[in-house]
N, C-alpha and C. Protein backbone atom coordinates (compact mmCIF):
# COMPACT_ATOMS: atom_id res chain seq x y z
N MET A 1 -8.69 5.81 -4.23
CA MET A 1 -7.19 5.29 -3.93
C MET A 1 -6.50 5.63 -5.50
N LYS A 2 -5.61 6.14 -5.58
CA LYS A 2 -4.49 6.50 -6.42
C LYS A 2 -3.99 5.27 -7.19
N GLU A 3 -4.18 4.63 -8.59
CA GLU A 3 -3.01 3.37 -8.75
C GLU A 3 -1.52 4.19 -9.53
N VAL A 4 -0.33 3.31 -8.71
CA VAL A 4 0.47 3.99 -9.03
C VAL A 4 1.05 2.94 -9.75
N THR A 5 1.90 3.19 -11.28
CA THR A 5 2.64 2.88 -11.91
C THR A 5 3.79 2.66 -11.69
N THR A 6 5.10 1.75 -12.76
CA THR A 6 6.44 1.67 -12.45
C THR A 6 7.01 3.13 -13.09
N ALA A 7 5.62 3.78 -13.83
CA ALA A 7 6.38 4.93 -14.40
C ALA A 7 6.28 6.15 -13.40
N SER A 8 5.53 5.78 -12.27
CA SER A 8 4.99 6.89 -11.84
C SER A 8 5.18 6.79 -9.97
N PHE A 9 6.19 5.74 -9.97
CA PHE A 9 5.98 4.97 -8.52
C PHE A 9 7.19 6.25 -7.89
N GLU A 10 8.42 6.66 -8.38
CA GLU A 10 9.30 7.14 -7.62
C GLU A 10 8.69 8.67 -7.23
N GLN A 11 7.73 9.46 -7.87
CA GLN A 11 7.61 10.17 -7.92
C GLN A 11 6.23 10.36 -6.78
N ASP A 12 5.42 9.25 -6.85
CA ASP A 12 3.98 9.00 -6.01
C ASP A 12 4.46 8.37 -4.76
N VAL A 13 5.54 7.82 -4.66
CA VAL A 13 6.42 7.04 -3.38
C VAL A 13 7.33 7.60 -2.73
N LEU A 14 8.29 7.15 -3.72
CA LEU A 14 9.58 7.34 -2.86
C LEU A 14 9.97 9.00 -2.69
N ASN A 15 9.40 9.69 -3.85
CA ASN A 15 9.72 10.81 -3.70
C ASN A 15 8.63 11.87 -2.93
N ALA A 16 7.68 11.16 -2.38
CA ALA A 16 6.69 11.75 -1.29
C ALA A 16 7.15 12.38 -0.14
N ASP A 17 6.22 13.54 0.20
CA ASP A 17 6.74 14.69 1.14
C ASP A 17 5.88 14.38 2.47
N LYS A 18 5.41 12.85 2.64
CA LYS A 18 4.79 12.25 3.91
C LYS A 18 4.98 10.93 3.40
N PRO A 19 4.42 9.90 4.53
CA PRO A 19 4.34 8.42 4.26
C PRO A 19 3.34 8.18 3.40
N VAL A 20 4.15 6.93 2.80
CA VAL A 20 2.85 6.77 1.72
C VAL A 20 2.78 4.89 1.87
N LEU A 21 0.99 4.46 1.98
CA LEU A 21 0.86 3.30 1.77
C LEU A 21 0.56 2.66 1.14
N VAL A 22 1.48 1.59 0.23
CA VAL A 22 1.52 1.23 -1.02
C VAL A 22 1.09 -0.33 -0.82
N ASP A 23 -0.92 -0.33 -1.41
CA ASP A 23 -1.48 -1.60 -1.40
C ASP A 23 -0.95 -2.67 -3.02
N PHE A 24 -0.28 -3.75 -2.50
CA PHE A 24 0.23 -4.53 -3.87
C PHE A 24 -0.75 -5.62 -3.71
N TRP A 25 -1.52 -5.67 -4.74
CA TRP A 25 -3.00 -6.19 -4.68
C TRP A 25 -3.26 -6.99 -6.45
N ALA A 26 -3.68 -7.67 -6.75
CA ALA A 26 -4.45 -8.25 -7.99
C ALA A 26 -5.97 -8.09 -7.94
N ALA A 27 -6.43 -8.41 -9.17
CA ALA A 27 -8.05 -8.10 -9.26
C ALA A 27 -8.49 -9.38 -9.04
N TRP A 28 -7.53 -10.82 -9.27
CA TRP A 28 -8.43 -11.89 -8.68
C TRP A 28 -8.40 -12.66 -7.19
N CYS A 29 -7.54 -11.08 -6.79
CA CYS A 29 -7.29 -11.61 -5.29
C CYS A 29 -8.68 -11.07 -4.02
N GLY A 30 -9.12 -12.44 -3.62
CA GLY A 30 -10.64 -11.97 -3.01
C GLY A 30 -9.92 -11.35 -1.56
N PRO A 31 -8.87 -11.94 -0.92
CA PRO A 31 -8.62 -11.04 0.26
C PRO A 31 -8.02 -9.55 -0.12
N CYS A 32 -7.42 -9.26 -1.26
CA CYS A 32 -7.51 -7.90 -1.86
C CYS A 32 -8.46 -7.08 -1.68
N ARG A 33 -9.52 -7.82 -2.32
CA ARG A 33 -10.81 -6.78 -2.74
C ARG A 33 -11.53 -6.60 -1.04
N ALA A 34 -11.02 -7.62 -0.14
CA ALA A 34 -11.83 -7.23 1.22
C ALA A 34 -11.18 -6.00 1.78
N VAL A 35 -9.58 -6.08 1.76
CA VAL A 35 -9.16 -5.04 2.56
C VAL A 35 -8.96 -4.15 1.54
N SER A 36 -9.11 -3.59 0.27
CA SER A 36 -9.24 -2.42 -0.23
C SER A 36 -10.50 -1.30 0.07
N PRO A 37 -11.84 -1.70 0.62
CA PRO A 37 -12.52 -0.43 1.45
C PRO A 37 -11.61 0.15 2.41
N ILE A 38 -11.06 -0.65 3.35
CA ILE A 38 -10.51 -0.49 4.43
C ILE A 38 -9.60 0.17 4.16
N LEU A 39 -8.85 0.38 3.30
CA LEU A 39 -7.75 1.26 2.81
C LEU A 39 -8.18 2.45 2.63
N GLU A 40 -9.45 2.91 1.51
CA GLU A 40 -9.78 3.48 1.05
C GLU A 40 -10.42 4.59 2.18
N GLN A 41 -11.40 3.72 3.16
CA GLN A 41 -11.35 4.61 4.41
C GLN A 41 -10.58 5.36 5.45
N ILE A 42 -9.39 4.32 5.29
CA ILE A 42 -8.27 4.90 6.43
C ILE A 42 -7.70 6.34 5.10
N ASP A 43 -7.71 6.12 3.84
CA ASP A 43 -6.89 7.44 3.08
C ASP A 43 -7.93 8.28 3.27
N GLY A 44 -9.17 8.24 3.44
CA GLY A 44 -10.38 9.21 3.52
C GLY A 44 -10.23 10.01 5.06
N GLU A 45 -9.66 9.53 5.92
CA GLU A 45 -9.53 9.66 7.02
C GLU A 45 -8.51 10.51 7.73
N THR A 46 -7.50 10.49 7.34
CA THR A 46 -6.10 10.72 7.55
C THR A 46 -5.21 11.68 6.42
N GLU A 47 -4.68 12.64 6.60
CA GLU A 47 -4.29 13.47 5.52
C GLU A 47 -2.51 13.42 6.09
N LYS A 48 -1.96 12.75 6.87
CA LYS A 48 -0.53 12.32 7.54
C LYS A 48 -0.29 11.18 6.29
N LEU A 49 -0.95 10.21 6.35
CA LEU A 49 -0.21 9.13 5.37
C LEU A 49 -1.44 9.14 3.92
N ASP A 50 -0.92 8.81 2.71
CA ASP A 50 -1.48 9.02 1.30
C ASP A 50 -1.22 7.15 1.19
N VAL A 51 -2.60 6.47 0.53
CA VAL A 51 -2.65 5.26 0.59
C VAL A 51 -2.88 5.20 -1.03
N VAL A 52 -1.88 4.11 -1.71
CA VAL A 52 -2.27 4.23 -3.34
C VAL A 52 -1.93 2.69 -3.12
N LYS A 53 -2.41 2.05 -4.76
CA LYS A 53 -2.42 0.83 -5.02
C LYS A 53 -1.31 0.36 -5.63
N VAL A 54 -1.07 -0.63 -6.07
CA VAL A 54 0.05 -1.01 -7.38
C VAL A 54 -0.47 -2.40 -7.18
N ASN A 55 -1.41 -2.54 -9.07
CA ASN A 55 -1.64 -3.94 -9.29
C ASN A 55 0.10 -4.78 -9.55
N VAL A 56 -0.20 -6.14 -8.89
CA VAL A 56 1.53 -6.96 -9.41
C VAL A 56 1.31 -7.25 -10.69
N ASP A 57 0.12 -7.67 -11.21
CA ASP A 57 -0.04 -7.83 -12.48
C ASP A 57 0.09 -7.51 -13.55
N GLN A 58 -0.07 -5.95 -13.83
CA GLN A 58 0.27 -5.23 -13.92
C GLN A 58 1.42 -4.21 -14.33
N GLU A 59 2.07 -4.36 -12.87
CA GLU A 59 3.72 -3.98 -12.58
C GLU A 59 4.33 -5.12 -11.98
N PRO A 60 4.47 -6.27 -12.83
CA PRO A 60 5.76 -7.04 -12.10
C PRO A 60 6.79 -6.60 -11.42
N ASP A 61 7.67 -5.44 -12.50
CA ASP A 61 8.79 -5.34 -11.89
C ASP A 61 8.94 -4.69 -10.79
N LEU A 62 7.58 -3.80 -10.12
CA LEU A 62 7.51 -2.81 -9.21
C LEU A 62 7.62 -4.57 -7.94
N ALA A 63 6.71 -5.50 -8.09
CA ALA A 63 6.12 -7.08 -7.24
C ALA A 63 7.53 -7.30 -7.11
N MET A 64 8.34 -7.44 -8.07
CA MET A 64 9.99 -8.16 -7.61
C MET A 64 10.69 -7.23 -7.14
N ARG A 65 11.06 -5.81 -7.41
CA ARG A 65 11.64 -4.97 -6.97
C ARG A 65 11.53 -5.26 -5.37
N TYR A 66 10.18 -4.87 -5.08
CA TYR A 66 9.57 -5.01 -3.63
C TYR A 66 9.93 -6.55 -2.96
N ASN A 67 10.11 -7.61 -3.27
CA ASN A 67 9.92 -9.07 -2.68
C ASN A 67 8.52 -9.24 -2.46
N ILE A 68 7.53 -8.89 -3.65
CA ILE A 68 5.91 -9.12 -2.98
C ILE A 68 6.10 -10.79 -3.35
N THR A 69 5.18 -11.71 -2.17
CA THR A 69 5.68 -13.45 -2.61
C THR A 69 4.00 -13.69 -2.28
N SER A 70 2.92 -12.62 -1.64
CA SER A 70 2.16 -13.03 -1.22
C SER A 70 1.10 -11.67 -1.28
N ILE A 71 -0.25 -11.55 -1.19
CA ILE A 71 -0.94 -10.60 -1.40
C ILE A 71 -2.15 -10.51 -0.61
N PRO A 72 -2.65 -9.84 -0.11
CA PRO A 72 -2.41 -8.56 -0.21
C PRO A 72 -0.94 -8.25 0.43
N ALA A 73 -0.03 -7.64 0.32
CA ALA A 73 0.63 -6.81 0.73
C ALA A 73 0.68 -5.46 0.92
N MET A 74 0.98 -4.79 2.13
CA MET A 74 1.16 -3.71 2.24
C MET A 74 2.32 -3.17 3.02
N LYS A 75 2.81 -2.10 2.47
CA LYS A 75 4.10 -1.68 2.79
C LYS A 75 4.23 -0.03 2.75
N VAL A 76 4.53 0.48 4.21
CA VAL A 76 4.45 2.14 4.32
C VAL A 76 6.07 2.50 3.98
N PHE A 77 6.28 3.49 2.92
CA PHE A 77 7.26 3.93 2.46
C PHE A 77 7.35 5.30 3.01
N GLN A 78 8.77 5.83 3.67
CA GLN A 78 8.58 6.92 4.03
C GLN A 78 10.43 7.48 3.72
N ASN A 79 10.56 8.44 3.07
CA ASN A 79 12.00 9.20 2.71
C ASN A 79 12.62 7.95 1.62
N GLY A 80 11.59 7.44 0.85
CA GLY A 80 12.32 6.40 -0.23
C GLY A 80 12.52 5.30 0.30
N GLU A 81 12.05 4.78 1.63
CA GLU A 81 12.54 3.54 2.71
C GLU A 81 11.28 2.64 2.84
N VAL A 82 11.34 1.47 2.68
CA VAL A 82 10.52 0.67 3.38
C VAL A 82 10.27 0.82 5.05
N VAL A 83 9.34 1.65 5.47
CA VAL A 83 9.76 1.14 6.86
C VAL A 83 8.40 0.65 7.76
N LYS A 84 7.65 0.12 7.48
CA LYS A 84 6.60 -0.89 7.69
C LYS A 84 5.87 -1.78 6.89
N GLU A 85 5.64 -3.09 7.10
CA GLU A 85 5.28 -3.86 6.21
C GLU A 85 4.02 -4.79 7.01
N LEU A 86 2.97 -4.97 5.88
CA LEU A 86 1.93 -6.30 6.61
C LEU A 86 1.53 -6.71 5.31
N ILE A 87 1.44 -8.30 5.94
CA ILE A 87 1.00 -9.16 4.82
C ILE A 87 -0.33 -9.54 5.20
N GLY A 88 -0.97 -9.86 3.98
CA GLY A 88 -2.77 -10.60 4.47
C GLY A 88 -3.27 -9.30 4.97
N ALA A 89 -5.01 -9.94 5.00
CA ALA A 89 -5.88 -9.31 5.09
C ALA A 89 -6.43 -9.15 6.36
N ARG A 90 -6.40 -8.31 7.09
CA ARG A 90 -6.76 -7.75 8.57
C ARG A 90 -7.97 -6.88 8.37
N PRO A 91 -8.42 -7.11 9.55
CA PRO A 91 -9.80 -6.33 10.15
C PRO A 91 -9.06 -4.60 10.26
N LYS A 92 -10.30 -3.70 10.08
CA LYS A 92 -9.97 -2.15 9.81
C LYS A 92 -9.16 -1.74 11.26
N PRO A 93 -9.47 -2.39 12.28
CA PRO A 93 -8.92 -2.11 13.62
C PRO A 93 -7.55 -2.54 13.61
N ALA A 94 -7.04 -3.69 13.36
CA ALA A 94 -5.77 -4.18 13.35
C ALA A 94 -4.73 -3.59 12.15
N ILE A 95 -5.69 -3.01 11.33
CA ILE A 95 -4.49 -2.11 10.29
C ILE A 95 -4.46 -0.70 10.83
N GLU A 96 -5.67 -0.33 11.75
CA GLU A 96 -4.94 0.86 12.07
C GLU A 96 -4.18 0.72 13.23
N GLN A 97 -4.14 -0.52 13.86
CA GLN A 97 -3.46 -0.30 14.95
C GLN A 97 -1.71 -0.52 14.62
N GLU A 98 -1.50 -1.38 13.46
CA GLU A 98 -0.34 -1.31 12.92
C GLU A 98 -0.11 -0.06 12.28
N LEU A 99 -0.79 0.76 11.94
CA LEU A 99 -0.14 1.98 11.46
C LEU A 99 -0.58 3.28 11.91
N ALA A 100 -0.80 3.17 13.61
CA ALA A 100 -0.52 3.59 14.41
C ALA A 100 0.08 4.98 14.48
N ALA A 101 1.58 4.78 14.07
CA ALA A 101 2.70 5.76 13.88
C ALA A 101 2.48 6.80 12.85
N PHE A 102 2.01 6.45 11.62
CA PHE A 102 1.77 6.98 10.48
C PHE A 102 0.43 7.63 10.29
N LEU A 103 -0.74 7.19 11.27
CA LEU A 103 -1.87 8.12 11.52
C LEU A 103 -1.50 8.99 12.43
């Protein structure tokens, strides 16, 4: 999964030509580390949705802009807008069910 920064966010997420799931995470967050391999699997299994990561400790401006108050937080962006939000770690089937419209 690609790491996205404040500098690349507009190009990689807001101007993307397909939906993008942004995983807001931090290295110290256990649930974030549990969700990461699931998101990597989903990223590898579909061409319809890109999955990227934003480290909230390294990119506090992005975390603040998108009101990230608890992690892991996953937001699906489409045409520059947040169209879906998931908060907290979940098993793969639950994440896939939430993302069904984008897979």
